[in-house]
Amino acid sequence: MVNLRGLPLSDSEGSAKTEITGCVFNIERFAIRDGPGIRTTVFLKGCPLRCLWCSNPESMKPFPQLFYFERLCARCYRCVEACPNKATTVSPEGAIEIDRSLCKNCGECVEVCPNKAREMSGKLMTVEEVLEEVKKDTLFYQNSGGGVTASGGEPTHQPEFLWHLFRRCQESAIHTCLDTCGFVQTEVLQRVLEHTNLVLYDIKHMDPVRHRELIGVDNRLILENARMVAAQGKPMIIRLPLIPGHNDSEQDIKALAEFMTELGLKRIDLLPYHSLGKEKYARLGLEYELSDLKPHESEEVGVIKTFLESYGLEVGVG
């Protein structure tokens, strides 16, 4: 029996849990920035936010998507012949064009591409398949105080899969860490927290109007859920993606520091902006809106770090 969001209402599923699948777009081993110790980070597809600076645009949709690497394309046009939906065509100049409104992400073109100019981002995996990958580095977790981190996208966008994965990890004595934006129904988040040891909680802006402009949604639910997690006493680290000219003013930083003080939180990690994901937008046929944005200088990040430390906060820089 499940509720409306697909989360189990009892713990009696038995062997059925091996059939639960999630859409995973990456499993990164030896991750050291996604929680304590050496970790394996499982990246799940699907996200309710649309952050202008998102470095993983392939994580937004909850299903596998076609990546096209134009620089690798040999223009053999096998993909044109293979496409059952006529989404891939040839321009008058001979270039490959993809109509994303027609593309069904079936992967037929990927199979015939000789130069690996096409690949599918994301694949369906069972809980047990992911657990098998995660358990390969159990010894490293034990020696370093590490474990598994679920990230994305927004991992709570696949709540049933996440709940079972974390449960199975804890059954195997593996530390679990949830990297979340907090924009999820409170009861769903509470259920996931049952098998979560640590929460990495993104807060991108404290002002609700500015948050909607930058992220696409109001931040009310995000802040309410942060209060809920803190009230439960669940270990939580705030993460701030530091975006030049968007959420880095003294007023912005002060509002976040005061919110953390209100909740009794002590640790914040600054994640300075970078444009390393820019090429991914082109691979998906998307436009990157912040293409001209320059990252902070290290000195600027240092000033923000010092300001936060004046509130008694422990500040890390990712």
C-alpha atoms as a PDB file:
ATOM      1  CA  MET A   1       0.000   0.000   0.000  1.00  0.00           C
ATOM      2  CA  VAL A   2       1.380   3.430  -0.904  1.00  0.00           C
ATOM      3  CA  ASN A   3       0.326   7.010  -0.393  1.00  0.00           C
ATOM      4  CA  LEU A   4      -0.278   9.552  -3.144  1.00  0.00           C
ATOM      5  CA  ARG A   5       3.423  10.323  -3.543  1.00  0.00           C
ATOM      6  CA  GLY A   6       4.432   6.692  -3.886  1.00  0.00           C
ATOM      7  CA  LEU A   7       5.944   6.336  -0.427  1.00  0.00           C
ATOM      8  CA  PRO A   8       5.348   3.068   1.437  1.00  0.00           C
ATOM      9  CA  LEU A   9       2.984   3.218   4.381  1.00  0.00           C
ATOM     10  CA  SER A  10       4.327   0.061   5.914  1.00  0.00           C
ATOM     11  CA  ASP A  11       7.669  -1.719   6.089  1.00  0.00           C
ATOM     12  CA  SER A  12       6.336  -5.043   4.842  1.00  0.00           C
ATOM     13  CA  GLU A  13       7.220  -4.795   1.148  1.00  0.00           C
ATOM     14  CA  GLY A  14       9.713  -7.660   1.439  1.00  0.00           C
ATOM     15  CA  SER A  15      11.375  -8.639  -1.819  1.00  0.00           C
ATOM     16  CA  ALA A  16       9.280  -6.109  -3.772  1.00  0.00           C
ATOM     17  CA  LYS A  17      11.887  -3.457  -2.958  1.00  0.00           C
ATOM     18  CA  THR A  18      14.286  -5.080  -5.460  1.00  0.00           C
ATOM     19  CA  GLU A  19      11.910  -4.090  -8.288  1.00  0.00           C
ATOM     20  CA  ILE A  20      11.781  -0.403  -7.407  1.00  0.00           C
ATOM     21  CA  THR A  21      13.624   1.626 -10.012  1.00  0.00           C
ATOM     22  CA  GLY A  22      14.979   5.150 -10.141  1.00  0.00           C
ATOM     23  CA  CYS A  23      16.363   7.264 -12.955  1.00  0.00           C
ATOM     24  CA  VAL A  24      20.068   7.798 -12.239  1.00  0.00           C
ATOM     25  CA  PHE A  25      22.302  10.011 -14.351  1.00  0.00           C
ATOM     26  CA  ASN A  26      25.588   9.500 -12.527  1.00  0.00           C
ATOM     27  CA  ILE A  27      27.197   7.546  -9.713  1.00  0.00           C
ATOM     28  CA  GLU A  28      30.358   9.294  -8.568  1.00  0.00           C
ATOM     29  CA  ARG A  29      32.759   7.253  -6.457  1.00  0.00           C
ATOM     30  CA  PHE A  30      35.379   8.795  -4.170  1.00  0.00           C
ATOM     31  CA  ALA A  31      33.386  12.011  -3.799  1.00  0.00           C
ATOM     32  CA  ILE A  32      34.825  14.241  -1.065  1.00  0.00           C
ATOM     33  CA  ARG A  33      32.625  17.353  -1.293  1.00  0.00           C
ATOM     34  CA  ASP A  34      29.219  15.820  -0.676  1.00  0.00           C
ATOM     35  CA  GLY A  35      29.411  15.134   3.023  1.00  0.00           C
ATOM     36  CA  PRO A  36      32.004  13.770   5.452  1.00  0.00           C
ATOM     37  CA  GLY A  37      34.683  11.284   4.470  1.00  0.00           C
ATOM     38  CA  ILE A  38      34.967   9.395   1.216  1.00  0.00           C
ATOM     39  CA  ARG A  39      31.537   8.995  -0.328  1.00  0.00           C
ATOM     40  CA  THR A  40      29.651   7.659  -3.315  1.00  0.00           C
ATOM     41  CA  THR A  41      27.234  10.237  -4.679  1.00  0.00           C
ATOM     42  CA  VAL A  42      24.171   8.966  -6.504  1.00  0.00           C
ATOM     43  CA  PHE A  43      22.717  11.620  -8.809  1.00  0.00           C
ATOM     44  CA  LEU A  44      18.991  11.224  -9.466  1.00  0.00           C
ATOM     45  CA  LYS A  45      17.112  12.893 -12.320  1.00  0.00           C
ATOM     46  CA  GLY A  46      14.169  15.204 -11.802  1.00  0.00           C
ATOM     47  CA  CYS A  47      14.016  18.631 -10.143  1.00  0.00           C
ATOM     48  CA  PRO A  48      11.149  21.059  -9.411  1.00  0.00           C
ATOM     49  CA  LEU A  49      13.476  24.097  -9.521  1.00  0.00           C
ATOM     50  CA  ARG A  50      14.893  25.973 -12.496  1.00  0.00           C
ATOM     51  CA  CYS A  51      17.981  27.707 -11.112  1.00  0.00           C
ATOM     52  CA  LEU A  52      19.524  30.014 -13.700  1.00  0.00           C
ATOM     53  CA  TRP A  53      23.009  28.733 -12.826  1.00  0.00           C
ATOM     54  CA  CYS A  54      22.233  25.018 -12.674  1.00  0.00           C
ATOM     55  CA  SER A  55      25.375  23.060 -13.583  1.00  0.00           C
ATOM     56  CA  ASN A  56      23.459  19.825 -14.175  1.00  0.00           C
ATOM     57  CA  PRO A  57      20.683  20.722 -16.657  1.00  0.00           C
ATOM     58  CA  GLU A  58      20.387  17.044 -17.517  1.00  0.00           C
ATOM     59  CA  SER A  59      19.048  16.552 -13.998  1.00  0.00           C
ATOM     60  CA  MET A  60      15.916  18.647 -14.502  1.00  0.00           C
ATOM     61  CA  LYS A  61      13.770  16.121 -16.359  1.00  0.00           C
ATOM     62  CA  PRO A  62      12.930  12.857 -14.560  1.00  0.00           C
ATOM     63  CA  PHE A  63      13.655  10.624 -17.557  1.00  0.00           C
ATOM     64  CA  PRO A  64      16.662   9.736 -19.776  1.00  0.00           C
ATOM     65  CA  GLN A  65      17.583  12.467 -22.275  1.00  0.00           C
ATOM     66  CA  LEU A  66      19.672  12.689 -25.425  1.00  0.00           C
ATOM     67  CA  PHE A  67      23.055  14.381 -25.232  1.00  0.00           C
ATOM     68  CA  TYR A  68      24.488  15.536 -28.574  1.00  0.00           C
ATOM     69  CA  PHE A  69      28.232  16.293 -28.820  1.00  0.00           C
ATOM     70  CA  GLU A  70      28.495  18.345 -32.003  1.00  0.00           C
ATOM     71  CA  ARG A  71      32.308  18.370 -32.007  1.00  0.00           C
ATOM     72  CA  LEU A  72      32.362  14.566 -32.226  1.00  0.00           C
ATOM     73  CA  CYS A  73      29.847  14.344 -35.064  1.00  0.00           C
ATOM     74  CA  ALA A  74      31.295  12.934 -38.306  1.00  0.00           C
ATOM     75  CA  ARG A  75      28.131  13.804 -40.282  1.00  0.00           C
ATOM     76  CA  CYS A  76      27.623  10.238 -41.400  1.00  0.00           C
ATOM     77  CA  TYR A  77      23.863  10.860 -41.048  1.00  0.00           C
ATOM     78  CA  ARG A  78      23.132   7.395 -39.688  1.00  0.00           C
ATOM     79  CA  CYS A  79      21.211   9.085 -36.889  1.00  0.00           C
ATOM     80  CA  VAL A  80      18.889  10.691 -39.442  1.00  0.00           C
ATOM     81  CA  GLU A  81      17.991   7.301 -40.860  1.00  0.00           C
ATOM     82  CA  ALA A  82      17.650   5.705 -37.445  1.00  0.00           C
ATOM     83  CA  CYS A  83      15.350   8.291 -35.864  1.00  0.00           C
ATOM     84  CA  PRO A  84      11.782   6.866 -35.845  1.00  0.00           C
ATOM     85  CA  ASN A  85      10.247  10.261 -35.063  1.00  0.00           C
ATOM     86  CA  LYS A  86      12.024  12.369 -37.721  1.00  0.00           C
ATOM     87  CA  ALA A  87      13.482  14.532 -34.945  1.00  0.00           C
ATOM     88  CA  THR A  88      16.965  14.520 -36.494  1.00  0.00           C
ATOM     89  CA  THR A  89      17.395  16.251 -39.839  1.00  0.00           C
ATOM     90  CA  VAL A  90      20.138  17.796 -41.972  1.00  0.00           C
ATOM     91  CA  SER A  91      20.362  21.546 -42.539  1.00  0.00           C
ATOM     92  CA  PRO A  92      21.064  23.024 -45.995  1.00  0.00           C
ATOM     93  CA  GLU A  93      24.676  23.455 -44.858  1.00  0.00           C
ATOM     94  CA  GLY A  94      24.933  19.778 -43.932  1.00  0.00           C
ATOM     95  CA  ALA A  95      24.805  20.213 -40.154  1.00  0.00           C
ATOM     96  CA  ILE A  96      22.785  17.944 -37.900  1.00  0.00           C
ATOM     97  CA  GLU A  97      19.680  19.517 -36.381  1.00  0.00           C
ATOM     98  CA  ILE A  98      17.561  18.035 -33.587  1.00  0.00           C
ATOM     99  CA  ASP A  99      13.950  19.030 -33.031  1.00  0.00           C
ATOM    100  CA  ARG A 100      13.632  18.428 -29.305  1.00  0.00           C
ATOM    101  CA  SER A 101       9.831  18.715 -29.510  1.00  0.00           C
ATOM    102  CA  LEU A 102       9.826  15.589 -31.696  1.00  0.00           C
ATOM    103  CA  CYS A 103      12.602  13.688 -29.946  1.00  0.00           C
ATOM    104  CA  LYS A 104      11.252  10.926 -27.691  1.00  0.00           C
ATOM    105  CA  ASN A 105      14.672  10.120 -26.173  1.00  0.00           C
ATOM    106  CA  CYS A 106      14.366   6.563 -27.426  1.00  0.00           C
ATOM    107  CA  GLY A 107      18.108   6.160 -27.963  1.00  0.00           C
ATOM    108  CA  GLU A 108      17.868   4.641 -31.445  1.00  0.00           C
ATOM    109  CA  CYS A 109      20.283   7.252 -32.817  1.00  0.00           C
ATOM    110  CA  VAL A 110      22.762   6.530 -30.021  1.00  0.00           C
ATOM    111  CA  GLU A 111      22.986   2.901 -31.079  1.00  0.00           C
ATOM    112  CA  VAL A 112      24.063   3.715 -34.639  1.00  0.00           C
ATOM    113  CA  CYS A 113      26.456   6.619 -33.947  1.00  0.00           C
ATOM    114  CA  PRO A 114      30.033   5.436 -34.682  1.00  0.00           C
ATOM    115  CA  ASN A 115      31.762   8.408 -33.038  1.00  0.00           C
ATOM    116  CA  LYS A 116      29.882   8.489 -29.721  1.00  0.00           C
ATOM    117  CA  ALA A 117      28.545  11.925 -30.611  1.00  0.00           C
ATOM    118  CA  ARG A 118      25.291  10.890 -28.959  1.00  0.00           C
ATOM    119  CA  GLU A 119      24.612   9.359 -25.595  1.00  0.00           C
ATOM    120  CA  MET A 120      21.714   8.978 -23.220  1.00  0.00           C
ATOM    121  CA  SER A 121      21.961  10.862 -19.939  1.00  0.00           C
ATOM    122  CA  GLY A 122      20.167   8.854 -17.299  1.00  0.00           C
ATOM    123  CA  LYS A 123      19.156   5.238 -16.996  1.00  0.00           C
ATOM    124  CA  LEU A 124      16.724   3.229 -14.939  1.00  0.00           C
ATOM    125  CA  MET A 125      18.337   1.254 -12.138  1.00  0.00           C
ATOM    126  CA  THR A 126      16.878  -0.841  -9.347  1.00  0.00           C
ATOM    127  CA  VAL A 127      17.618  -0.112  -5.706  1.00  0.00           C
ATOM    128  CA  GLU A 128      19.698  -3.280  -5.532  1.00  0.00           C
ATOM    129  CA  GLU A 129      21.734  -2.338  -8.609  1.00  0.00           C
ATOM    130  CA  VAL A 130      22.631   1.018  -7.098  1.00  0.00           C
ATOM    131  CA  LEU A 131      23.332  -0.570  -3.723  1.00  0.00           C
ATOM    132  CA  GLU A 132      25.714  -3.010  -5.402  1.00  0.00           C
ATOM    133  CA  GLU A 133      27.709  -0.067  -6.782  1.00  0.00           C
ATOM    134  CA  VAL A 134      27.626   1.773  -3.467  1.00  0.00           C
ATOM    135  CA  LYS A 135      28.863  -1.226  -1.473  1.00  0.00           C
ATOM    136  CA  LYS A 136      32.017  -1.551  -3.569  1.00  0.00           C
ATOM    137  CA  ASP A 137      33.665   1.123  -1.416  1.00  0.00           C
ATOM    138  CA  THR A 138      32.373   0.064   2.005  1.00  0.00           C
ATOM    139  CA  LEU A 139      35.910  -0.243   3.352  1.00  0.00           C
ATOM    140  CA  PHE A 140      36.665   3.362   2.386  1.00  0.00           C
ATOM    141  CA  TYR A 141      33.495   4.546   4.109  1.00  0.00           C
ATOM    142  CA  GLN A 142      34.449   2.750   7.289  1.00  0.00           C
ATOM    143  CA  ASN A 143      37.993   4.114   7.332  1.00  0.00           C
ATOM    144  CA  SER A 144      37.056   7.718   6.493  1.00  0.00           C
ATOM    145  CA  GLY A 145      33.656   8.177   8.115  1.00  0.00           C
ATOM    146  CA  GLY A 146      32.056   8.402   4.670  1.00  0.00           C
ATOM    147  CA  GLY A 147      29.024   6.825   3.054  1.00  0.00           C
ATOM    148  CA  VAL A 148      26.489   7.460   0.332  1.00  0.00           C
ATOM    149  CA  THR A 149      25.006  10.810  -0.692  1.00  0.00           C
ATOM    150  CA  ALA A 150      21.861  11.194  -2.775  1.00  0.00           C
ATOM    151  CA  SER A 151      21.959  14.279  -4.973  1.00  0.00           C
ATOM    152  CA  GLY A 152      20.561  15.418  -8.277  1.00  0.00           C
ATOM    153  CA  GLY A 153      18.524  17.142  -9.491  1.00  0.00           C
ATOM    154  CA  GLU A 154      16.412  16.865  -6.412  1.00  0.00           C
ATOM    155  CA  PRO A 155      16.563  13.322  -4.989  1.00  0.00           C
ATOM    156  CA  THR A 156      13.229  13.647  -3.156  1.00  0.00           C
ATOM    157  CA  HIS A 157      11.645  13.960  -6.615  1.00  0.00           C
ATOM    158  CA  GLN A 158      11.954  10.144  -6.613  1.00  0.00           C
ATOM    159  CA  PRO A 159      10.816   9.548  -3.015  1.00  0.00           C
ATOM    160  CA  GLU A 160      10.036   5.848  -3.095  1.00  0.00           C
ATOM    161  CA  PHE A 161      13.342   4.937  -4.715  1.00  0.00           C
ATOM    162  CA  LEU A 162      15.246   7.210  -2.340  1.00  0.00           C
ATOM    163  CA  TRP A 163      13.480   5.875   0.761  1.00  0.00           C
ATOM    164  CA  HIS A 164      14.303   2.280  -0.138  1.00  0.00           C
ATOM    165  CA  LEU A 165      17.879   3.070  -1.168  1.00  0.00           C
ATOM    166  CA  PHE A 166      18.620   4.830   2.111  1.00  0.00           C
ATOM    167  CA  ARG A 167      16.931   2.079   4.079  1.00  0.00           C
ATOM    168  CA  ARG A 168      19.048  -0.575   2.367  1.00  0.00           C
ATOM    169  CA  CYS A 169      22.199   1.479   2.937  1.00  0.00           C
ATOM    170  CA  GLN A 170      21.509   1.768   6.641  1.00  0.00           C
ATOM    171  CA  GLU A 171      20.800  -1.941   6.832  1.00  0.00           C
ATOM    172  CA  SER A 172      24.338  -2.343   5.470  1.00  0.00           C
ATOM    173  CA  ALA A 173      25.728   0.110   8.076  1.00  0.00           C
ATOM    174  CA  ILE A 174      26.404   2.755   5.416  1.00  0.00           C
ATOM    175  CA  HIS A 175      26.021   6.414   6.440  1.00  0.00           C
ATOM    176  CA  THR A 176      23.377   8.248   4.388  1.00  0.00           C
ATOM    177  CA  CYS A 177      23.425  11.898   3.388  1.00  0.00           C
ATOM    178  CA  LEU A 178      20.619  13.761   1.628  1.00  0.00           C
ATOM    179  CA  ASP A 179      21.553  16.721  -0.586  1.00  0.00           C
ATOM    180  CA  THR A 180      18.249  18.554  -1.022  1.00  0.00           C
ATOM    181  CA  CYS A 181      16.834  21.896  -2.116  1.00  0.00           C
ATOM    182  CA  GLY A 182      14.000  21.438   0.392  1.00  0.00           C
ATOM    183  CA  PHE A 183      11.238  22.091  -2.136  1.00  0.00           C
ATOM    184  CA  VAL A 184       9.255  18.963  -1.371  1.00  0.00           C
ATOM    185  CA  GLN A 185       6.054  18.168   0.506  1.00  0.00           C
ATOM    186  CA  THR A 186       6.894  18.154   4.194  1.00  0.00           C
ATOM    187  CA  GLU A 187       5.454  14.704   4.839  1.00  0.00           C
ATOM    188  CA  VAL A 188       7.558  13.264   2.011  1.00  0.00           C
ATOM    189  CA  LEU A 189      10.719  14.813   3.407  1.00  0.00           C
ATOM    190  CA  GLN A 190       9.879  13.567   6.900  1.00  0.00           C
ATOM    191  CA  ARG A 191       9.552  10.034   5.561  1.00  0.00           C
ATOM    192  CA  VAL A 192      12.914  10.205   3.805  1.00  0.00           C
ATOM    193  CA  LEU A 193      14.533  11.556   6.970  1.00  0.00           C
ATOM    194  CA  GLU A 194      13.701   8.292   8.735  1.00  0.00           C
ATOM    195  CA  HIS A 195      16.722   6.748   6.995  1.00  0.00           C
ATOM    196  CA  THR A 196      18.885   9.858   6.643  1.00  0.00           C
ATOM    197  CA  ASN A 197      21.928  10.490   8.852  1.00  0.00           C
ATOM    198  CA  LEU A 198      22.875  13.932   7.531  1.00  0.00           C
ATOM    199  CA  VAL A 199      21.152  16.640   5.491  1.00  0.00           C
ATOM    200  CA  LEU A 200      22.930  19.012   3.117  1.00  0.00           C
ATOM    201  CA  TYR A 201      20.342  21.739   2.693  1.00  0.00           C
ATOM    202  CA  ASP A 202      20.541  24.265  -0.139  1.00  0.00           C
ATOM    203  CA  ILE A 203      19.226  27.742   0.572  1.00  0.00           C
ATOM    204  CA  LYS A 204      19.704  29.873  -2.506  1.00  0.00           C
ATOM    205  CA  HIS A 205      18.014  33.121  -1.435  1.00  0.00           C
ATOM    206  CA  MET A 206      16.104  34.363   1.603  1.00  0.00           C
ATOM    207  CA  ASP A 207      13.922  36.879  -0.242  1.00  0.00           C
ATOM    208  CA  PRO A 208      10.789  35.163  -1.649  1.00  0.00           C
ATOM    209  CA  VAL A 209      10.383  37.534  -4.609  1.00  0.00           C
ATOM    210  CA  ARG A 210      14.006  37.315  -5.653  1.00  0.00           C
ATOM    211  CA  HIS A 211      13.927  33.562  -5.086  1.00  0.00           C
ATOM    212  CA  ARG A 212      11.062  33.197  -7.551  1.00  0.00           C
ATOM    213  CA  GLU A 213      12.892  35.331 -10.120  1.00  0.00           C
ATOM    214  CA  LEU A 214      16.060  33.248  -9.899  1.00  0.00           C
ATOM    215  CA  ILE A 215      14.704  29.792  -9.110  1.00  0.00           C
ATOM    216  CA  GLY A 216      11.179  29.743 -10.505  1.00  0.00           C
ATOM    217  CA  VAL A 217       9.385  29.027  -7.220  1.00  0.00           C
ATOM    218  CA  ASP A 218       8.650  30.736  -3.899  1.00  0.00           C
ATOM    219  CA  ASN A 219      10.978  29.839  -1.011  1.00  0.00           C
ATOM    220  CA  ARG A 220       8.289  29.549   1.687  1.00  0.00           C
ATOM    221  CA  LEU A 221       8.155  25.749   1.651  1.00  0.00           C
ATOM    222  CA  ILE A 222      11.942  25.531   1.574  1.00  0.00           C
ATOM    223  CA  LEU A 223      12.316  27.637   4.715  1.00  0.00           C
ATOM    224  CA  GLU A 224       9.472  25.816   6.488  1.00  0.00           C
ATOM    225  CA  ASN A 225      11.110  22.476   5.795  1.00  0.00           C
ATOM    226  CA  ALA A 226      14.464  23.798   7.019  1.00  0.00           C
ATOM    227  CA  ARG A 227      12.786  24.711  10.294  1.00  0.00           C
ATOM    228  CA  MET A 228      11.246  21.233  10.479  1.00  0.00           C
ATOM    229  CA  VAL A 229      14.578  19.470   9.937  1.00  0.00           C
ATOM    230  CA  ALA A 230      16.273  21.659  12.548  1.00  0.00           C
ATOM    231  CA  ALA A 231      13.449  21.069  15.046  1.00  0.00           C
ATOM    232  CA  GLN A 232      13.912  17.320  14.668  1.00  0.00           C
ATOM    233  CA  GLY A 233      17.540  17.693  15.658  1.00  0.00           C
ATOM    234  CA  LYS A 234      18.668  16.043  12.441  1.00  0.00           C
ATOM    235  CA  PRO A 235      22.288  16.993  11.634  1.00  0.00           C
ATOM    236  CA  MET A 236      22.114  19.610   8.880  1.00  0.00           C
ATOM    237  CA  ILE A 237      24.626  21.677   6.928  1.00  0.00           C
ATOM    238  CA  ILE A 238      23.372  24.668   4.971  1.00  0.00           C
ATOM    239  CA  ARG A 239      24.755  25.080   1.468  1.00  0.00           C
ATOM    240  CA  LEU A 240      24.780  28.402  -0.361  1.00  0.00           C
ATOM    241  CA  PRO A 241      25.465  28.459  -4.109  1.00  0.00           C
ATOM    242  CA  LEU A 242      27.254  31.811  -4.278  1.00  0.00           C
ATOM    243  CA  ILE A 243      26.131  33.581  -7.459  1.00  0.00           C
ATOM    244  CA  PRO A 244      27.769  36.949  -8.273  1.00  0.00           C
ATOM    245  CA  GLY A 245      25.293  39.812  -8.313  1.00  0.00           C
ATOM    246  CA  HIS A 246      22.344  37.573  -7.449  1.00  0.00           C
ATOM    247  CA  ASN A 247      22.587  36.400  -3.829  1.00  0.00           C
ATOM    248  CA  ASP A 248      25.931  37.728  -2.562  1.00  0.00           C
ATOM    249  CA  SER A 249      25.080  41.181  -1.197  1.00  0.00           C
ATOM    250  CA  GLU A 250      25.662  41.966   2.478  1.00  0.00           C
ATOM    251  CA  GLN A 251      21.896  42.079   2.952  1.00  0.00           C
ATOM    252  CA  ASP A 252      21.496  38.630   1.364  1.00  0.00           C
ATOM    253  CA  ILE A 253      24.245  37.049   3.448  1.00  0.00           C
ATOM    254  CA  LYS A 254      23.057  38.721   6.658  1.00  0.00           C
ATOM    255  CA  ALA A 255      19.502  37.410   6.178  1.00  0.00           C
ATOM    256  CA  LEU A 256      20.778  33.865   5.777  1.00  0.00           C
ATOM    257  CA  ALA A 257      23.134  34.135   8.767  1.00  0.00           C
ATOM    258  CA  GLU A 258      20.294  35.384  10.971  1.00  0.00           C
ATOM    259  CA  PHE A 259      18.033  32.568   9.783  1.00  0.00           C
ATOM    260  CA  MET A 260      20.679  29.998  10.669  1.00  0.00           C
ATOM    261  CA  THR A 261      21.166  31.593  14.077  1.00  0.00           C
ATOM    262  CA  GLU A 262      17.404  31.443  14.653  1.00  0.00           C
ATOM    263  CA  LEU A 263      17.448  27.703  13.929  1.00  0.00           C
ATOM    264  CA  GLY A 264      20.550  27.025  15.992  1.00  0.00           C
ATOM    265  CA  LEU A 265      22.543  25.857  12.970  1.00  0.00           C
ATOM    266  CA  LYS A 266      26.327  26.138  13.016  1.00  0.00           C
ATOM    267  CA  ARG A 267      27.711  24.962   9.654  1.00  0.00           C
ATOM    268  CA  ILE A 268      27.420  26.517   6.204  1.00  0.00           C
ATOM    269  CA  ASP A 269      29.287  25.590   3.034  1.00  0.00           C
ATOM    270  CA  LEU A 270      29.780  28.210   0.328  1.00  0.00           C
ATOM    271  CA  LEU A 271      29.638  26.861  -3.226  1.00  0.00           C
ATOM    272  CA  PRO A 272      31.219  29.536  -5.458  1.00  0.00           C
ATOM    273  CA  TYR A 273      29.705  29.893  -8.909  1.00  0.00           C
ATOM    274  CA  HIS A 274      31.365  28.195 -11.863  1.00  0.00           C
ATOM    275  CA  SER A 275      30.340  27.716 -15.480  1.00  0.00           C
ATOM    276  CA  LEU A 276      31.606  24.157 -15.883  1.00  0.00           C
ATOM    277  CA  GLY A 277      28.131  22.931 -16.811  1.00  0.00           C
ATOM    278  CA  LYS A 278      27.728  25.410 -19.663  1.00  0.00           C
ATOM    279  CA  GLU A 279      28.517  22.888 -22.397  1.00  0.00           C
ATOM    280  CA  LYS A 280      25.786  20.577 -21.130  1.00  0.00           C
ATOM    281  CA  TYR A 281      23.140  23.102 -22.145  1.00  0.00           C
ATOM    282  CA  ALA A 282      24.325  22.952 -25.756  1.00  0.00           C
ATOM    283  CA  ARG A 283      24.266  19.154 -25.641  1.00  0.00           C
ATOM    284  CA  LEU A 284      20.588  19.340 -24.672  1.00  0.00           C
ATOM    285  CA  GLY A 285      19.736  22.086 -27.160  1.00  0.00           C
ATOM    286  CA  LEU A 286      19.219  24.610 -24.340  1.00  0.00           C
ATOM    287  CA  GLU A 287      20.417  28.176 -23.854  1.00  0.00           C
ATOM    288  CA  TYR A 288      22.576  29.048 -20.853  1.00  0.00           C
ATOM    289  CA  GLU A 289      21.307  32.391 -19.577  1.00  0.00           C
ATOM    290  CA  LEU A 290      24.336  33.299 -17.454  1.00  0.00           C
ATOM    291  CA  SER A 291      26.976  32.808 -20.138  1.00  0.00           C
ATOM    292  CA  ASP A 292      28.603  36.186 -19.407  1.00  0.00           C
ATOM    293  CA  LEU A 293      28.695  35.820 -15.614  1.00  0.00           C
ATOM    294  CA  LYS A 294      32.168  35.831 -14.066  1.00  0.00           C
ATOM    295  CA  PRO A 295      32.981  33.809 -10.909  1.00  0.00           C
ATOM    296  CA  HIS A 296      33.977  35.513  -7.686  1.00  0.00           C
ATOM    297  CA  GLU A 297      37.635  36.165  -7.006  1.00  0.00           C
ATOM    298  CA  SER A 298      38.938  34.157  -4.050  1.00  0.00           C
ATOM    299  CA  GLU A 299      39.304  37.379  -2.062  1.00  0.00           C
ATOM    300  CA  GLU A 300      35.616  38.157  -2.519  1.00  0.00           C
ATOM    301  CA  VAL A 301      34.657  34.719  -1.258  1.00  0.00           C
ATOM    302  CA  GLY A 302      36.991  35.274   1.689  1.00  0.00           C
ATOM    303  CA  VAL A 303      35.160  38.470   2.661  1.00  0.00           C
ATOM    304  CA  ILE A 304      31.820  36.649   2.658  1.00  0.00           C
ATOM    305  CA  LYS A 305      33.328  33.789   4.662  1.00  0.00           C
ATOM    306  CA  THR A 306      34.654  36.202   7.281  1.00  0.00           C
ATOM    307  CA  PHE A 307      31.297  37.965   7.506  1.00  0.00           C
ATOM    308  CA  LEU A 308      29.497  34.672   8.168  1.00  0.00           C
ATOM    309  CA  GLU A 309      32.087  33.677  10.740  1.00  0.00           C
ATOM    310  CA  SER A 310      31.304  36.891  12.640  1.00  0.00           C
ATOM    311  CA  TYR A 311      27.942  35.237  13.432  1.00  0.00           C
ATOM    312  CA  GLY A 312      29.714  32.332  15.076  1.00  0.00           C
ATOM    313  CA  LEU A 313      29.234  30.049  12.082  1.00  0.00           C
ATOM    314  CA  GLU A 314      31.625  27.392  10.836  1.00  0.00           C
ATOM    315  CA  VAL A 315      32.145  28.153   7.148  1.00  0.00           C
ATOM    316  CA  GLY A 316      33.456  25.789   4.487  1.00  0.00           C
ATOM    317  CA  VAL A 317      34.195  26.655   0.866  1.00  0.00           C
ATOM    318  CA  GLY A 318      33.459  23.992  -1.741  1.00  0.00           C
END
